[in-house]
Each structure stands twice: as structure tokens, then as C-alpha cells.
């Protein structure tokens, strides 16, 4: 692998690990959220952003 590709992959991994993602079933439809690990408030995101960034390491289970 070349150095620019390695740097890019490492940067993307660090960025994606700084956020947590969540799906909530509200009224029969899925609502997608993300938050910075250092913050308390969740923000709405669309399904595409969730699909691109969420993985088994950064998904938080919703507890009502």
C-alpha cells in the first residue's frame, strides 16, 4: 500500500470512531442519530450517513 492511502484510511478510522450511532423505532419507523462521544446530545442524521459510518464498534443500543 502507498503512504497516502494508509494516511487516508487511518484518518477515516479515527473520525468514524469519535462518533456513536443509534437507531430508534419511533412510531413504527426508524430514526437515525449520531453523537460525538464527548457530548450528551444526539443529533438526527439520514439513513445514508448511518449506513456509511455505523459499524459494530460504534453503535449504541437505544434504551427507553
PDB file of N, CA and C in Angstrom:
ATOM      1  N   UNK A   1       0.837  -1.195   0.000  1.00  0.00           N
ATOM      2  CA  UNK A   1       0.000   0.000   0.000  1.00  0.00           C
ATOM      3  C   UNK A   1       0.871   1.243   0.000  1.00  0.00           C
ATOM      4  N   UNK A   2       0.336   2.286  -0.614  1.00  0.00           N
ATOM      5  CA  UNK A   2       1.114   3.521  -0.617  1.00  0.00           C
ATOM      6  C   UNK A   2       0.780   4.380   0.600  1.00  0.00           C
ATOM      7  N   UNK A   3       1.691   5.292   0.955  1.00  0.00           N
ATOM      8  CA  UNK A   3       1.540   6.101   2.160  1.00  0.00           C
ATOM      9  C   UNK A   3       0.288   6.986   2.156  1.00  0.00           C
ATOM     10  N   UNK A   4      -0.056   7.655   1.050  1.00  0.00           N
ATOM     11  CA  UNK A   4      -1.284   8.481   1.084  1.00  0.00           C
ATOM     12  C   UNK A   4      -2.540   7.664   1.388  1.00  0.00           C
ATOM     13  N   UNK A   5      -2.617   6.469   0.855  1.00  0.00           N
ATOM     14  CA  UNK A   5      -3.780   5.618   1.119  1.00  0.00           C
ATOM     15  C   UNK A   5      -3.820   5.205   2.585  1.00  0.00           C
ATOM     16  N   UNK A   6      -2.700   4.848   3.146  1.00  0.00           N
ATOM     17  CA  UNK A   6      -2.637   4.459   4.555  1.00  0.00           C
ATOM     18  C   UNK A   6      -3.048   5.627   5.443  1.00  0.00           C
ATOM     19  N   UNK A   7      -2.533   6.821   5.150  1.00  0.00           N
ATOM     20  CA  UNK A   7      -2.895   8.010   5.929  1.00  0.00           C
ATOM     21  C   UNK A   7      -4.386   8.279   5.841  1.00  0.00           C
ATOM     22  N   UNK A   8      -4.948   8.156   4.649  1.00  0.00           N
ATOM     23  CA  UNK A   8      -6.380   8.379   4.453  1.00  0.00           C
ATOM     24  C   UNK A   8      -7.202   7.385   5.272  1.00  0.00           C
ATOM     25  N   UNK A   9      -6.843   6.119   5.213  1.00  0.00           N
ATOM     26  CA  UNK A   9      -7.587   5.097   5.951  1.00  0.00           C
ATOM     27  C   UNK A   9      -7.494   5.304   7.462  1.00  0.00           C
ATOM     28  N   UNK A  10      -6.336   5.668   7.956  1.00  0.00           N
ATOM     29  CA  UNK A  10      -6.185   5.933   9.385  1.00  0.00           C
ATOM     30  C   UNK A  10      -7.009   7.143   9.815  1.00  0.00           C
ATOM     31  N   UNK A  11      -6.999   8.192   9.016  1.00  0.00           N
ATOM     32  CA  UNK A  11      -7.774   9.402   9.332  1.00  0.00           C
ATOM     33  C   UNK A  11      -9.270   9.081   9.365  1.00  0.00           C
ATOM     34  N   UNK A  12      -9.737   8.330   8.386  1.00  0.00           N
ATOM     35  CA  UNK A  12     -11.160   7.956   8.333  1.00  0.00           C
ATOM     36  C   UNK A  12     -11.534   7.083   9.531  1.00  0.00           C
ATOM     37  N   UNK A  13     -10.652   6.191   9.932  1.00  0.00           N
ATOM     38  CA  UNK A  13     -10.937   5.329  11.084  1.00  0.00           C
ATOM     39  C   UNK A  13     -11.040   6.156  12.358  1.00  0.00           C
ATOM     40  N   UNK A  14     -10.172   7.124  12.535  1.00  0.00           N
ATOM     41  CA  UNK A  14     -10.210   7.974  13.725  1.00  0.00           C
ATOM     42  C   UNK A  14     -11.476   8.823  13.754  1.00  0.00           C
ATOM     43  N   UNK A  15     -11.864   9.366  12.617  1.00  0.00           N
ATOM     44  CA  UNK A  15     -13.071  10.192  12.555  1.00  0.00           C
ATOM     45  C   UNK A  15     -14.297   9.351  12.873  1.00  0.00           C
ATOM     46  N   UNK A  16     -14.413   8.180  12.275  1.00  0.00           N
ATOM     47  CA  UNK A  16     -15.598   7.354  12.497  1.00  0.00           C
ATOM     48  C   UNK A  16     -15.660   6.830  13.922  1.00  0.00           C
ATOM     49  N   UNK A  17     -14.519   6.654  14.587  1.00  0.00           N
ATOM     50  CA  UNK A  17     -14.520   6.156  15.950  1.00  0.00           C
ATOM     51  C   UNK A  17     -14.849   7.241  16.960  1.00  0.00           C
ATOM     52  N   UNK A  18     -14.830   8.510  16.570  1.00  0.00           N
ATOM     53  CA  UNK A  18     -15.143   9.572  17.517  1.00  0.00           C
ATOM     54  C   UNK A  18     -16.654   9.797  17.641  1.00  0.00           C
ATOM     55  N   UNK A  19     -17.444   9.141  16.805  1.00  0.00           N
ATOM     56  CA  UNK A  19     -18.897   9.262  16.853  1.00  0.00           C
ATOM     57  C   UNK A  19     -19.536   7.938  17.233  1.00  0.00           C
ATOM     58  N   UNK A  20     -20.715   8.053  17.845  1.00  0.00           N
ATOM     59  CA  UNK A  20     -21.535   6.890  18.141  1.00  0.00           C
ATOM     60  C   UNK A  20     -22.825   7.022  17.345  1.00  0.00           C
ATOM     61  N   UNK A  21     -23.415   5.897  16.978  1.00  0.00           N
ATOM     62  CA  UNK A  21     -24.616   5.893  16.130  1.00  0.00           C
ATOM     63  C   UNK A  21     -25.698   5.071  16.791  1.00  0.00           C
ATOM     64  N   UNK A  22     -26.945   5.405  16.447  1.00  0.00           N
ATOM     65  CA  UNK A  22     -28.079   4.747  17.077  1.00  0.00           C
ATOM     66  C   UNK A  22     -29.286   4.791  16.147  1.00  0.00           C
ATOM     67  N   UNK A  23     -30.100   3.721  16.202  1.00  0.00           N
ATOM     68  CA  UNK A  23     -31.392   3.692  15.510  1.00  0.00           C
ATOM     69  C   UNK A  23     -32.465   3.563  16.575  1.00  0.00           C
ATOM     70  N   UNK A  24     -33.507   4.383  16.443  1.00  0.00           N
ATOM     71  CA  UNK A  24     -34.646   4.282  17.355  1.00  0.00           C
ATOM     72  C   UNK A  24     -35.905   4.076  16.533  1.00  0.00           C
ATOM     73  N   UNK A  25     -36.730   3.161  16.973  1.00  0.00           N
ATOM     74  CA  UNK A  25     -38.017   2.919  16.327  1.00  0.00           C
ATOM     75  C   UNK A  25     -39.043   3.814  17.012  1.00  0.00           C
ATOM     76  N   UNK A  26     -39.391   4.904  16.358  1.00  0.00           N
ATOM     77  CA  UNK A  26     -40.322   5.873  16.925  1.00  0.00           C
ATOM     78  C   UNK A  26     -41.587   5.879  16.079  1.00  0.00           C
ATOM     79  N   UNK A  27     -42.658   5.401  16.643  1.00  0.00           N
ATOM     80  CA  UNK A  27     -43.931   5.392  15.940  1.00  0.00           C
ATOM     81  C   UNK A  27     -43.962   4.500  14.726  1.00  0.00           C
ATOM     82  N   UNK A  28     -43.207   3.421  14.738  1.00  0.00           N
ATOM     83  CA  UNK A  28     -43.231   2.468  13.647  1.00  0.00           C
ATOM     84  C   UNK A  28     -42.238   2.721  12.533  1.00  0.00           C
ATOM     85  N   UNK A  29     -41.428   3.767  12.640  1.00  0.00           N
ATOM     86  CA  UNK A  29     -40.399   3.992  11.617  1.00  0.00           C
ATOM     87  C   UNK A  29     -39.054   4.263  12.295  1.00  0.00           C
ATOM     88  N   UNK A  30     -37.980   3.920  11.616  1.00  0.00           N
ATOM     89  CA  UNK A  30     -36.637   4.101  12.159  1.00  0.00           C
ATOM     90  C   UNK A  30     -36.198   5.556  12.055  1.00  0.00           C
ATOM     91  N   UNK A  31     -35.579   6.047  13.131  1.00  0.00           N
ATOM     92  CA  UNK A  31     -34.980   7.372  13.154  1.00  0.00           C
ATOM     93  C   UNK A  31     -33.506   7.167  13.495  1.00  0.00           C
ATOM     94  N   UNK A  32     -32.621   7.830  12.751  1.00  0.00           N
ATOM     95  CA  UNK A  32     -31.179   7.625  12.873  1.00  0.00           C
ATOM     96  C   UNK A  32     -30.536   8.805  13.596  1.00  0.00           C
ATOM     97  N   UNK A  33     -29.588   8.500  14.471  1.00  0.00           N
ATOM     98  CA  UNK A  33     -28.922   9.511  15.283  1.00  0.00           C
ATOM     99  C   UNK A  33     -27.416   9.269  15.302  1.00  0.00           C
ATOM    100  N   UNK A  34     -26.697  10.358  15.614  1.00  0.00           N
ATOM    101  CA  UNK A  34     -25.271  10.236  15.923  1.00  0.00           C
ATOM    102  C   UNK A  34     -24.930  11.264  16.973  1.00  0.00           C
ATOM    103  N   UNK A  35     -23.824  11.024  17.678  1.00  0.00           N
ATOM    104  CA  UNK A  35     -23.308  11.998  18.635  1.00  0.00           C
ATOM    105  C   UNK A  35     -21.811  11.805  18.772  1.00  0.00           C
ATOM    106  N   UNK A  36     -21.156  12.878  19.109  1.00  0.00           N
ATOM    107  CA  UNK A  36     -19.746  12.797  19.436  1.00  0.00           C
ATOM    108  C   UNK A  36     -19.641  12.117  20.789  1.00  0.00           C
ATOM    109  N   UNK A  37     -18.678  11.246  20.953  1.00  0.00           N
ATOM    110  CA  UNK A  37     -18.544  10.503  22.209  1.00  0.00           C
ATOM    111  C   UNK A  37     -18.415  11.421  23.414  1.00  0.00           C
ATOM    112  N   UNK A  38     -17.862  12.595  23.223  1.00  0.00           N
ATOM    113  CA  UNK A  38     -17.643  13.508  24.342  1.00  0.00           C
ATOM    114  C   UNK A  38     -18.862  14.355  24.676  1.00  0.00           C
ATOM    115  N   UNK A  39     -19.953  14.231  23.917  1.00  0.00           N
ATOM    116  CA  UNK A  39     -21.151  15.030  24.148  1.00  0.00           C
ATOM    117  C   UNK A  39     -22.297  14.150  24.645  1.00  0.00           C
ATOM    118  N   UNK A  40     -23.345  14.792  25.158  1.00  0.00           N
ATOM    119  CA  UNK A  40     -24.505  14.053  25.667  1.00  0.00           C
ATOM    120  C   UNK A  40     -25.662  14.035  24.683  1.00  0.00           C
ATOM    121  N   UNK A  41     -25.775  15.049  23.839  1.00  0.00           N
ATOM    122  CA  UNK A  41     -26.933  15.183  22.964  1.00  0.00           C
ATOM    123  C   UNK A  41     -26.740  14.472  21.632  1.00  0.00           C
ATOM    124  N   UNK A  42     -27.804  13.770  21.209  1.00  0.00           N
ATOM    125  CA  UNK A  42     -27.829  13.092  19.922  1.00  0.00           C
ATOM    126  C   UNK A  42     -28.392  14.038  18.872  1.00  0.00           C
ATOM    127  N   UNK A  43     -27.928  13.911  17.621  1.00  0.00           N
ATOM    128  CA  UNK A  43     -28.464  14.700  16.515  1.00  0.00           C
ATOM    129  C   UNK A  43     -29.020  13.759  15.456  1.00  0.00           C
ATOM    130  N   UNK A  44     -30.046  14.249  14.747  1.00  0.00           N
ATOM    131  CA  UNK A  44     -30.653  13.466  13.677  1.00  0.00           C
ATOM    132  C   UNK A  44     -29.703  13.362  12.486  1.00  0.00           C
ATOM    133  N   UNK A  45     -29.678  12.206  11.851  1.00  0.00           N
ATOM    134  CA  UNK A  45     -28.962  12.029  10.588  1.00  0.00           C
ATOM    135  C   UNK A  45     -29.857  11.227   9.653  1.00  0.00           C
ATOM    136  N   UNK A  46     -29.468  11.157   8.398  1.00  0.00           N
ATOM    137  CA  UNK A  46     -30.260  10.361   7.458  1.00  0.00           C
ATOM    138  C   UNK A  46     -29.705   8.932   7.378  1.00  0.00           C
ATOM    139  N   UNK A  47     -30.483   8.064   6.777  1.00  0.00           N
ATOM    140  CA  UNK A  47     -30.123   6.649   6.673  1.00  0.00           C
ATOM    141  C   UNK A  47     -28.805   6.455   5.929  1.00  0.00           C
ATOM    142  N   UNK A  48     -28.559   7.258   4.920  1.00  0.00           N
ATOM    143  CA  UNK A  48     -27.327   7.119   4.134  1.00  0.00           C
ATOM    144  C   UNK A  48     -26.087   7.368   4.990  1.00  0.00           C
ATOM    145  N   UNK A  49     -26.134   8.424   5.817  1.00  0.00           N
ATOM    146  CA  UNK A  49     -24.984   8.709   6.678  1.00  0.00           C
ATOM    147  C   UNK A  49     -24.785   7.575   7.687  1.00  0.00           C
ATOM    148  N   UNK A  50     -25.886   7.082   8.229  1.00  0.00           N
ATOM    149  CA  UNK A  50     -25.809   5.960   9.168  1.00  0.00           C
ATOM    150  C   UNK A  50     -25.173   4.746   8.490  1.00  0.00           C
ATOM    151  N   UNK A  51     -25.660   4.407   7.300  1.00  0.00           N
ATOM    152  CA  UNK A  51     -25.151   3.235   6.579  1.00  0.00           C
ATOM    153  C   UNK A  51     -23.667   3.369   6.240  1.00  0.00           C
ATOM    154  N   UNK A  52     -23.231   4.580   5.951  1.00  0.00           N
ATOM    155  CA  UNK A  52     -21.824   4.796   5.582  1.00  0.00           C
ATOM    156  C   UNK A  52     -20.883   4.718   6.778  1.00  0.00           C
ATOM    157  N   UNK A  53     -21.362   5.109   7.974  1.00  0.00           N
ATOM    158  CA  UNK A  53     -20.449   5.297   9.097  1.00  0.00           C
ATOM    159  C   UNK A  53     -20.638   4.357  10.274  1.00  0.00           C
ATOM    160  N   UNK A  54     -21.825   3.834  10.460  1.00  0.00           N
ATOM    161  CA  UNK A  54     -22.067   2.966  11.620  1.00  0.00           C
ATOM    162  C   UNK A  54     -21.461   1.583  11.384  1.00  0.00           C
ATOM    163  N   UNK A  55     -20.893   1.048  12.444  1.00  0.00           N
ATOM    164  CA  UNK A  55     -20.351  -0.307  12.395  1.00  0.00           C
ATOM    165  C   UNK A  55     -20.478  -0.934  13.778  1.00  0.00           C
ATOM    166  N   UNK A  56     -20.079  -2.172  13.907  1.00  0.00           N
ATOM    167  CA  UNK A  56     -20.278  -2.886  15.174  1.00  0.00           C
ATOM    168  C   UNK A  56     -19.526  -2.246  16.342  1.00  0.00           C
ATOM    169  N   UNK A  57     -18.536  -1.413  16.067  1.00  0.00           N
ATOM    170  CA  UNK A  57     -17.745  -0.799  17.129  1.00  0.00           C
ATOM    171  C   UNK A  57     -18.302   0.527  17.622  1.00  0.00           C
ATOM    172  N   UNK A  58     -19.230   1.142  16.870  1.00  0.00           N
ATOM    173  CA  UNK A  58     -19.681   2.469  17.285  1.00  0.00           C
ATOM    174  C   UNK A  58     -21.212   2.597  17.377  1.00  0.00           C
ATOM    175  N   UNK A  59     -21.917   1.485  17.417  1.00  0.00           N
ATOM    176  CA  UNK A  59     -23.363   1.527  17.574  1.00  0.00           C
ATOM    177  C   UNK A  59     -23.709   1.371  19.049  1.00  0.00           C
ATOM    178  N   UNK A  60     -24.594   2.253  19.517  1.00  0.00           N
ATOM    179  CA  UNK A  60     -25.052   2.219  20.899  1.00  0.00           C
ATOM    180  C   UNK A  60     -26.507   1.797  20.900  1.00  0.00           C
ATOM    181  N   UNK A  61     -26.836   0.797  21.712  1.00  0.00           N
ATOM    182  CA  UNK A  61     -28.208   0.310  21.791  1.00  0.00           C
ATOM    183  C   UNK A  61     -29.080   1.345  22.483  1.00  0.00           C
ATOM    184  N   UNK A  62     -30.257   1.603  21.912  1.00  0.00           N
ATOM    185  CA  UNK A  62     -31.200   2.553  22.487  1.00  0.00           C
ATOM    186  C   UNK A  62     -31.936   1.920  23.667  1.00  0.00           C
ATOM    187  N   UNK A  63     -31.958   2.635  24.781  1.00  0.00           N
ATOM    188  CA  UNK A  63     -32.679   2.177  25.969  1.00  0.00           C
ATOM    189  C   UNK A  63     -33.763   3.204  26.283  1.00  0.00           C
ATOM    190  N   UNK A  64     -35.034   2.769  26.313  1.00  0.00           N
ATOM    191  CA  UNK A  64     -36.091   3.718  26.658  1.00  0.00           C
ATOM    192  C   UNK A  64     -36.283   3.798  28.128  1.00  0.00           C
TER     193      UNK A  64
END
